[in-house]
Amino acid sequence: MKFSCTQENLKKGLLNIVHVAGKNINLPILSNVLIEVSNNIKFTSTDLEIGVVSSVRGKIEKEGKTTINAKLFTDYINLLPNKRVDVELINNEILIKCENYKTKINAENADDYPIIPAIEKENYYSFEFEEFKKAVNEVIFAAAADETRIELSGVYFEFHQNELILAATDSYRLAERKIKYKEKPEEQKDIIKKIIIPTKTLQEAIKISSTSQDIEVSSDEPNHKIKIYITENQILFTYDEVELVSRVIEGQYPDYRQIIPSTDEKNRTLVSIGRQDLIRAIKASSLFSKANINDVHFDFPKAKNQAVISSVGSQKGESTVELPIEIIGMDNGVVLNYKYLLDGLNSLNSDEVVLEIVNSNTPVSLKAKNRQDYLYIIMPIRQ
């Protein structure tokens, strides 16, 4: 095996896969990256649940394959000058040369490296990457942090005819986002596909794509669209020269739409308020909330056109913040977990948000003003 390419291309390829490689006592070779040189130069990394393949351009002199410690190889390449790098496998050692730099790193047999399952690239859904990244970030935080209920530890993807619906919930709050396709399979009509994707998979997909964009690319490279291919139990993301394949979570996602408050409620209260002002007021009151309860009171007296945000701690003291608002409907009030509300507010890129309250025992809805593609719901704390 012998090839050469620029340090920039090597750096780009390795940054895209090094996240997945890690320590595994039972299978130490998983801390390595698989290097395969044939028609192109290909790097592969896997933790047995996620596999990432990244291809880079370069001059190939001799075909072959081997594995090498991913972190050591990446750290060394990152320190080299942005010049031509020559890589050669000699007697189970990787010889690396770049100007006045020269090193040897021990290699391991590629035959012992796990095989990444192949997914046929026939039908796919595509999205502009920045829009897809934004959609994922607006829901992923609401997924359950543990795997007690495995289906809630992932993000639910529902593929409709003209849009993808993403949803995540941990039973205490729910985030839902809709996003339009750039491309979709021709036979997709009214068929709805439903899958649950592990949160780690989506985090890696975004991380890989972000890494690709961090490095300057030439104008003749592909547009920044992310493509999704689906099989019965696996999903494949492709982005430029990077591929990420992962298992999907088996199970039935709960019918979360049952908890979404009806928009026809006669007694509902709609509150329009500045997002940053609300965040600041919540943080101030949160200092006095009860430990492990995180309770903050929200009152909306219509006559005053104010939001009264308060908290009382028996050992600490109390806080009250009054903010000007636009209010439609009845006087209302609710107690919420401030951490959950801040998560939703921080995910939104909007100057103004709208809170919808039915009563103190019904889930509260949060939306960005003048946006119909996003909904965040929080269960109230019952007194």
Protein backbone atom coordinates (compact mmCIF):
# COMPACT_ATOMS: atom_id res chain seq x y z
CA MET A 1 0.00 0.00 0.00
CA LYS A 2 1.40 3.35 -1.04
CA PHE A 3 -0.26 6.69 -1.71
CA SER A 4 0.22 10.42 -1.39
CA CYS A 5 -2.15 13.37 -0.97
CA THR A 6 -2.24 16.81 0.57
CA GLN A 7 -2.20 17.21 4.33
CA GLU A 8 -5.47 19.16 4.03
CA ASN A 9 -7.27 16.25 2.34
CA LEU A 10 -5.92 13.75 4.87
CA LYS A 11 -6.96 15.99 7.73
CA LYS A 12 -10.46 16.34 6.31
CA GLY A 13 -10.90 12.61 5.82
CA LEU A 14 -9.67 11.69 9.28
CA LEU A 15 -11.64 14.37 11.11
CA ASN A 16 -14.78 12.89 9.60
CA ILE A 17 -14.24 9.42 11.06
CA VAL A 18 -12.12 9.76 14.22
CA HIS A 19 -15.16 10.58 16.42
CA VAL A 20 -16.51 7.05 16.08
CA ALA A 21 -13.31 5.14 16.89
CA GLY A 22 -12.92 4.46 20.59
CA LYS A 23 -11.67 2.12 23.27
CA ASN A 24 -13.24 -1.32 23.43
CA ILE A 25 -11.77 -3.84 25.88
CA ASN A 26 -13.32 -6.80 24.06
CA LEU A 27 -12.32 -5.61 20.59
CA PRO A 28 -9.25 -3.32 20.76
CA ILE A 29 -9.05 -2.98 16.97
CA LEU A 30 -12.09 -0.68 17.11
CA SER A 31 -9.74 2.09 18.25
CA ASN A 32 -8.14 1.86 14.80
CA VAL A 33 -9.06 3.35 11.45
CA LEU A 34 -9.20 1.05 8.46
CA ILE A 35 -7.22 2.40 5.46
CA GLU A 36 -8.13 0.94 2.07
CA VAL A 37 -6.37 2.01 -1.12
CA SER A 38 -7.71 0.84 -4.48
CA ASN A 39 -9.68 3.12 -6.80
CA ASN A 40 -9.54 5.79 -4.12
CA ILE A 41 -8.22 6.37 -0.60
CA LYS A 42 -10.83 5.34 1.93
CA PHE A 43 -10.88 5.61 5.73
CA THR A 44 -13.36 3.61 7.81
CA SER A 45 -14.22 3.74 11.52
CA THR A 46 -16.88 1.88 13.53
CA ASP A 47 -18.07 1.17 17.07
CA LEU A 48 -20.26 -1.71 15.81
CA GLU A 49 -23.40 0.46 16.03
CA ILE A 50 -22.27 3.30 13.75
CA GLY A 51 -19.92 3.03 10.80
CA VAL A 52 -18.37 5.99 8.98
CA VAL A 53 -16.55 5.88 5.64
CA SER A 54 -14.67 8.90 4.29
CA SER A 55 -12.96 9.03 0.89
CA VAL A 56 -10.21 11.46 -0.08
CA ARG A 57 -8.45 12.29 -3.34
CA GLY A 58 -4.79 11.52 -3.85
CA LYS A 59 -2.16 9.76 -5.98
CA ILE A 60 -2.26 5.97 -5.65
CA GLU A 61 0.96 4.07 -6.35
CA LYS A 62 0.18 0.69 -4.78
CA GLU A 63 -3.11 -0.82 -3.62
CA GLY A 64 -3.56 -2.39 -0.21
CA LYS A 65 -5.20 -2.06 3.18
CA THR A 66 -4.29 -1.95 6.86
CA THR A 67 -5.44 -0.46 10.18
CA ILE A 68 -3.75 2.07 12.43
CA ASN A 69 -4.62 3.76 15.73
CA ALA A 70 -7.13 6.43 14.75
CA LYS A 71 -6.26 9.06 17.36
CA LEU A 72 -2.49 8.73 16.97
CA PHE A 73 -2.67 8.87 13.18
CA THR A 74 -5.06 11.86 13.22
CA ASP A 75 -3.07 13.80 15.83
CA TYR A 76 0.15 13.33 13.85
CA ILE A 77 -1.38 14.31 10.49
CA ASN A 78 -2.86 17.46 12.08
CA LEU A 79 0.65 18.59 13.11
CA LEU A 80 2.15 18.29 9.62
CA PRO A 81 2.59 21.30 7.32
CA ASN A 82 -0.02 21.77 4.58
CA LYS A 83 2.10 20.01 1.97
CA ARG A 84 2.18 16.66 0.19
CA VAL A 85 2.11 13.66 2.52
CA ASP A 86 3.48 10.25 1.45
CA VAL A 87 2.09 7.17 3.19
CA GLU A 88 3.47 3.66 2.69
CA LEU A 89 2.92 0.29 4.38
CA ILE A 90 6.25 -1.50 4.95
CA ASN A 91 6.54 -4.66 7.08
CA ASN A 92 3.42 -3.93 9.13
CA GLU A 93 4.48 -0.34 9.76
CA ILE A 94 3.06 2.85 8.27
CA LEU A 95 5.82 5.15 7.01
CA ILE A 96 4.70 8.79 6.81
CA LYS A 97 6.79 11.52 5.15
CA CYS A 98 6.01 15.23 4.73
CA GLU A 99 8.84 17.65 3.95
CA ASN A 100 11.19 17.39 6.95
CA TYR A 101 8.78 15.19 8.97
CA LYS A 102 9.18 11.42 9.00
CA THR A 103 7.64 8.80 11.28
CA LYS A 104 6.69 5.13 11.56
CA ILE A 105 3.50 3.94 13.24
CA ASN A 106 2.70 0.30 13.97
CA ALA A 107 -0.14 -1.15 11.90
CA GLU A 108 -2.52 -4.09 12.45
CA ASN A 109 -4.02 -6.62 10.06
CA ALA A 110 -7.02 -5.26 8.17
CA ASP A 111 -8.64 -8.72 8.00
CA ASP A 112 -9.49 -8.44 11.70
CA TYR A 113 -11.46 -5.23 11.22
CA PRO A 114 -15.30 -5.51 11.34
CA ILE A 115 -17.13 -5.23 8.01
CA ILE A 116 -19.41 -2.21 7.59
CA PRO A 117 -22.78 -3.36 6.17
CA ALA A 118 -23.48 -2.09 2.66
CA ILE A 119 -26.77 -0.35 1.85
CA GLU A 120 -28.01 -0.11 -1.72
CA LYS A 121 -28.11 3.46 -2.96
CA GLU A 122 -31.29 3.41 -4.98
CA ASN A 123 -34.00 5.59 -3.46
CA TYR A 124 -33.16 8.48 -1.18
CA TYR A 125 -34.49 11.62 0.46
CA SER A 126 -32.31 14.72 0.37
CA PHE A 127 -32.25 17.99 2.31
CA GLU A 128 -30.16 21.13 2.35
CA PHE A 129 -27.70 20.31 5.09
CA GLU A 130 -28.04 23.53 7.10
CA GLU A 131 -31.82 23.16 7.21
CA PHE A 132 -31.54 19.49 8.19
CA LYS A 133 -29.03 20.32 10.92
CA LYS A 134 -31.32 23.04 12.27
CA ALA A 135 -34.29 20.64 12.29
CA VAL A 136 -32.36 17.96 14.19
CA ASN A 137 -31.05 20.44 16.76
CA GLU A 138 -34.59 21.69 17.42
CA VAL A 139 -35.80 18.24 18.52
CA ILE A 140 -32.90 16.02 19.60
CA PHE A 141 -32.54 17.53 23.09
CA ALA A 142 -36.04 16.31 24.01
CA ALA A 143 -35.19 12.61 23.55
CA ALA A 144 -34.81 10.47 26.68
CA ALA A 145 -31.28 10.45 28.09
CA ASP A 146 -31.42 6.79 29.16
CA GLU A 147 -32.59 3.60 27.45
CA THR A 148 -35.19 2.50 29.99
CA ARG A 149 -37.70 2.89 27.17
CA ILE A 150 -35.44 2.30 24.21
CA GLU A 151 -37.82 3.82 21.66
CA LEU A 152 -37.76 7.18 23.49
CA SER A 153 -33.95 7.33 23.39
CA GLY A 154 -34.05 8.09 19.66
CA VAL A 155 -35.59 10.61 17.29
CA TYR A 156 -38.73 9.57 15.41
CA PHE A 157 -38.65 10.12 11.63
CA GLU A 158 -41.97 10.01 9.74
CA PHE A 159 -41.60 10.32 5.95
CA HIS A 160 -44.74 11.77 4.34
CA GLN A 161 -45.36 12.55 0.69
CA ASN A 162 -44.03 16.12 0.80
CA GLU A 163 -42.26 16.46 4.12
CA LEU A 164 -40.37 14.71 6.89
CA ILE A 165 -41.65 15.02 10.46
CA LEU A 166 -39.09 14.67 13.26
CA ALA A 167 -40.19 14.18 16.86
CA ALA A 168 -38.54 13.46 20.20
CA THR A 169 -39.92 13.06 23.71
CA ASP A 170 -38.86 11.84 27.14
CA SER A 171 -42.49 11.79 28.41
CA TYR A 172 -42.08 15.18 30.13
CA ARG A 173 -41.64 17.33 27.03
CA LEU A 174 -42.02 16.89 23.27
CA ALA A 175 -40.42 18.57 20.25
CA GLU A 176 -41.76 18.24 16.71
CA ARG A 177 -40.28 19.70 13.51
CA LYS A 178 -41.36 19.52 9.87
CA ILE A 179 -38.94 19.86 6.96
CA LYS A 180 -39.48 19.79 3.19
CA TYR A 181 -37.54 17.45 0.90
CA LYS A 182 -35.17 18.69 -1.78
CA GLU A 183 -35.51 15.30 -3.50
CA LYS A 184 -37.49 12.13 -2.78
CA PRO A 185 -38.05 8.71 -4.37
CA GLU A 186 -40.25 8.84 -7.44
CA GLU A 187 -42.60 6.14 -6.15
CA GLN A 188 -43.22 8.02 -2.90
CA LYS A 189 -46.90 8.96 -2.95
CA ASP A 190 -49.02 8.65 0.16
CA ILE A 191 -46.77 6.00 1.66
CA ILE A 192 -45.57 6.87 5.16
CA LYS A 193 -42.30 5.41 6.39
CA LYS A 194 -41.63 5.44 10.12
CA ILE A 195 -38.28 4.80 11.82
CA ILE A 196 -36.55 5.65 15.10
CA ILE A 197 -32.93 6.81 14.81
CA PRO A 198 -30.53 6.72 17.79
CA THR A 199 -29.60 10.21 18.99
CA LYS A 200 -25.89 9.32 18.78
CA THR A 201 -26.30 8.57 15.08
CA LEU A 202 -27.82 11.99 14.39
CA GLN A 203 -25.18 13.73 16.51
CA GLU A 204 -22.45 12.04 14.47
CA ALA A 205 -24.16 12.87 11.16
CA ILE A 206 -24.22 16.54 12.09
CA LYS A 207 -20.68 16.45 13.45
CA ILE A 208 -19.32 14.85 10.29
CA SER A 209 -21.11 17.25 7.99
CA SER A 210 -20.01 20.24 10.06
CA THR A 211 -16.41 19.06 9.81
CA SER A 212 -16.71 18.89 6.03
CA GLN A 213 -17.88 22.47 5.85
CA ASP A 214 -15.23 23.74 8.24
CA ILE A 215 -12.57 23.00 5.62
CA GLU A 216 -12.56 25.05 2.45
CA VAL A 217 -13.68 23.10 -0.61
CA SER A 218 -13.32 23.91 -4.27
CA SER A 219 -16.22 25.30 -6.26
CA ASP A 220 -16.57 22.11 -8.32
CA GLU A 221 -17.41 19.95 -5.29
CA PRO A 222 -21.01 18.77 -4.74
CA ASN A 223 -23.65 21.05 -3.26
CA HIS A 224 -24.06 20.64 0.47
CA LYS A 225 -27.02 18.31 0.49
CA ILE A 226 -27.40 15.41 2.86
CA LYS A 227 -29.02 12.24 1.50
CA ILE A 228 -30.84 9.57 3.49
CA TYR A 229 -31.24 5.95 2.38
CA ILE A 230 -33.46 3.60 4.40
CA THR A 231 -33.66 -0.19 4.73
CA GLU A 232 -35.72 -2.27 7.12
CA ASN A 233 -33.28 -1.99 10.04
CA GLN A 234 -30.56 0.42 8.91
CA ILE A 235 -30.14 3.99 7.74
CA LEU A 236 -27.43 5.58 5.61
CA PHE A 237 -26.50 9.27 5.52
CA THR A 238 -24.25 10.52 2.72
CA TYR A 239 -22.68 13.95 2.57
CA ASP A 240 -20.03 14.87 0.00
CA GLU A 241 -17.45 12.07 0.29
CA VAL A 242 -18.64 10.83 3.68
CA GLU A 243 -21.02 7.95 4.43
CA LEU A 244 -22.50 7.10 7.83
CA VAL A 245 -24.45 3.88 8.36
CA SER A 246 -26.29 2.96 11.54
CA ARG A 247 -28.84 0.57 12.93
CA VAL A 248 -32.29 1.94 13.69
CA ILE A 249 -34.14 1.36 16.95
CA GLU A 250 -36.71 -1.42 16.87
CA GLY A 251 -39.99 -0.70 18.57
CA GLN A 252 -43.23 1.24 18.32
CA TYR A 253 -43.02 4.98 18.89
CA PRO A 254 -45.85 6.29 21.11
CA ASP A 255 -48.70 8.22 19.51
CA TYR A 256 -47.40 11.55 20.80
CA ARG A 257 -50.03 13.59 18.97
CA GLN A 258 -52.56 12.62 21.63
CA ILE A 259 -50.97 15.06 24.10
CA ILE A 260 -50.86 18.04 21.74
CA PRO A 261 -53.45 20.54 23.04
CA SER A 262 -56.31 21.26 20.67
CA THR A 263 -56.11 24.64 18.95
CA ASP A 264 -59.89 24.90 19.29
CA GLU A 265 -59.78 25.27 23.06
CA LYS A 266 -62.02 28.21 23.97
CA ASN A 267 -60.23 28.96 27.21
CA ARG A 268 -56.69 29.00 25.88
CA THR A 269 -54.33 31.91 26.39
CA LEU A 270 -51.86 33.01 23.71
CA VAL A 271 -48.85 34.98 24.91
CA SER A 272 -46.34 36.67 22.58
CA ILE A 273 -43.08 37.58 24.30
CA GLY A 274 -39.45 38.45 23.49
CA ARG A 275 -37.31 35.31 23.58
CA GLN A 276 -34.16 36.79 25.13
CA ASP A 277 -36.13 38.73 27.75
CA LEU A 278 -37.96 35.54 28.70
CA ILE A 279 -34.72 33.54 28.93
CA ARG A 280 -33.17 36.16 31.23
CA ALA A 281 -36.25 36.29 33.48
CA ILE A 282 -36.40 32.49 33.76
CA LYS A 283 -32.73 32.26 34.67
CA ALA A 284 -33.18 34.91 37.38
CA SER A 285 -36.14 33.11 38.95
CA SER A 286 -34.54 29.70 38.57
CA LEU A 287 -31.94 30.65 41.19
CA PHE A 288 -34.69 30.36 43.81
CA SER A 289 -36.47 27.25 42.54
CA LYS A 290 -36.64 24.06 44.58
CA ALA A 291 -33.82 21.60 44.01
CA ASN A 292 -34.79 18.59 41.86
CA ILE A 293 -38.15 20.19 41.07
CA ASN A 294 -36.90 23.21 39.11
CA ASP A 295 -40.27 24.94 39.48
CA VAL A 296 -40.88 28.43 38.14
CA HIS A 297 -44.32 30.07 38.20
CA PHE A 298 -45.73 31.83 35.12
CA ASP A 299 -48.77 34.07 35.48
CA PHE A 300 -50.37 36.05 32.67
CA PRO A 301 -52.89 38.63 33.96
CA LYS A 302 -54.61 39.93 30.84
CA ALA A 303 -55.55 43.28 32.37
CA LYS A 304 -51.89 44.18 32.90
CA ASN A 305 -50.51 42.75 29.62
CA GLN A 306 -47.67 41.35 31.67
CA ALA A 307 -45.95 38.05 32.27
CA VAL A 308 -45.16 37.56 35.94
CA ILE A 309 -42.33 35.04 36.32
CA SER A 310 -41.56 34.08 39.88
CA SER A 311 -40.07 31.51 42.21
CA VAL A 312 -39.89 31.09 45.98
CA GLY A 313 -37.27 29.07 47.82
CA SER A 314 -37.77 28.62 51.57
CA GLN A 315 -34.02 28.65 52.23
CA LYS A 316 -32.93 31.13 49.56
CA GLY A 317 -35.55 33.83 49.13
CA GLU A 318 -37.70 34.74 46.16
CA SER A 319 -37.69 36.39 42.76
CA THR A 320 -40.33 38.12 40.64
CA VAL A 321 -39.84 39.46 37.11
CA GLU A 322 -42.53 41.33 35.16
CA LEU A 323 -42.30 41.49 31.38
CA PRO A 324 -44.50 43.27 28.82
CA ILE A 325 -46.38 40.87 26.55
CA GLU A 326 -49.11 40.63 23.96
CA ILE A 327 -51.90 38.45 25.31
CA ILE A 328 -55.03 37.00 23.73
CA GLY A 329 -57.58 35.04 25.72
CA MET A 330 -58.13 34.44 29.41
CA ASP A 331 -56.06 35.19 32.53
CA ASN A 332 -53.95 32.11 33.06
CA GLY A 333 -51.03 30.64 34.95
CA VAL A 334 -48.88 27.52 35.06
CA VAL A 335 -45.85 26.06 36.85
CA LEU A 336 -43.11 24.65 34.61
CA ASN A 337 -39.74 22.96 34.91
CA TYR A 338 -37.50 25.89 33.92
CA LYS A 339 -34.81 23.62 32.46
CA TYR A 340 -37.24 22.13 29.98
CA LEU A 341 -38.50 25.55 28.94
CA LEU A 342 -34.97 26.91 28.51
CA ASP A 343 -34.07 23.94 26.31
CA GLY A 344 -36.89 24.84 23.96
CA LEU A 345 -36.15 28.55 23.97
CA ASN A 346 -32.44 28.00 23.32
CA SER A 347 -33.17 25.78 20.33
CA LEU A 348 -35.20 28.48 18.57
CA ASN A 349 -33.63 31.15 16.40
CA SER A 350 -36.42 33.70 16.78
CA ASP A 351 -36.73 37.13 18.39
CA GLU A 352 -40.28 36.45 19.58
CA VAL A 353 -41.97 33.29 20.79
CA VAL A 354 -45.57 32.33 21.49
CA LEU A 355 -46.71 30.40 24.54
CA GLU A 356 -50.10 28.69 24.46
CA ILE A 357 -51.69 27.80 27.81
CA VAL A 358 -55.01 26.05 28.32
CA ASN A 359 -54.90 25.60 32.09
CA SER A 360 -52.48 24.67 34.88
CA ASN A 361 -52.89 20.93 34.25
CA THR A 362 -52.61 20.86 30.44
CA PRO A 363 -49.37 20.76 28.42
CA VAL A 364 -48.00 24.16 27.43
CA SER A 365 -47.04 24.78 23.79
CA LEU A 366 -44.05 26.87 22.68
CA LYS A 367 -43.64 28.10 19.10
CA ALA A 368 -41.54 30.63 17.25
CA LYS A 369 -43.67 33.55 16.13
CA ASN A 370 -44.69 33.34 12.46
CA ARG A 371 -43.40 29.77 12.09
CA GLN A 372 -45.70 26.82 11.51
CA ASP A 373 -43.06 24.06 11.19
CA TYR A 374 -42.05 23.72 14.86
CA LEU A 375 -43.81 22.84 18.09
CA TYR A 376 -42.44 22.27 21.60
CA ILE A 377 -44.65 21.02 24.43
CA ILE A 378 -43.93 20.84 28.17
CA MET A 379 -45.92 19.00 30.80
CA PRO A 380 -46.76 21.33 33.73
CA ILE A 381 -45.75 20.71 37.33
CA ARG A 382 -48.94 20.03 39.21
CA GLN A 383 -49.22 21.70 42.58
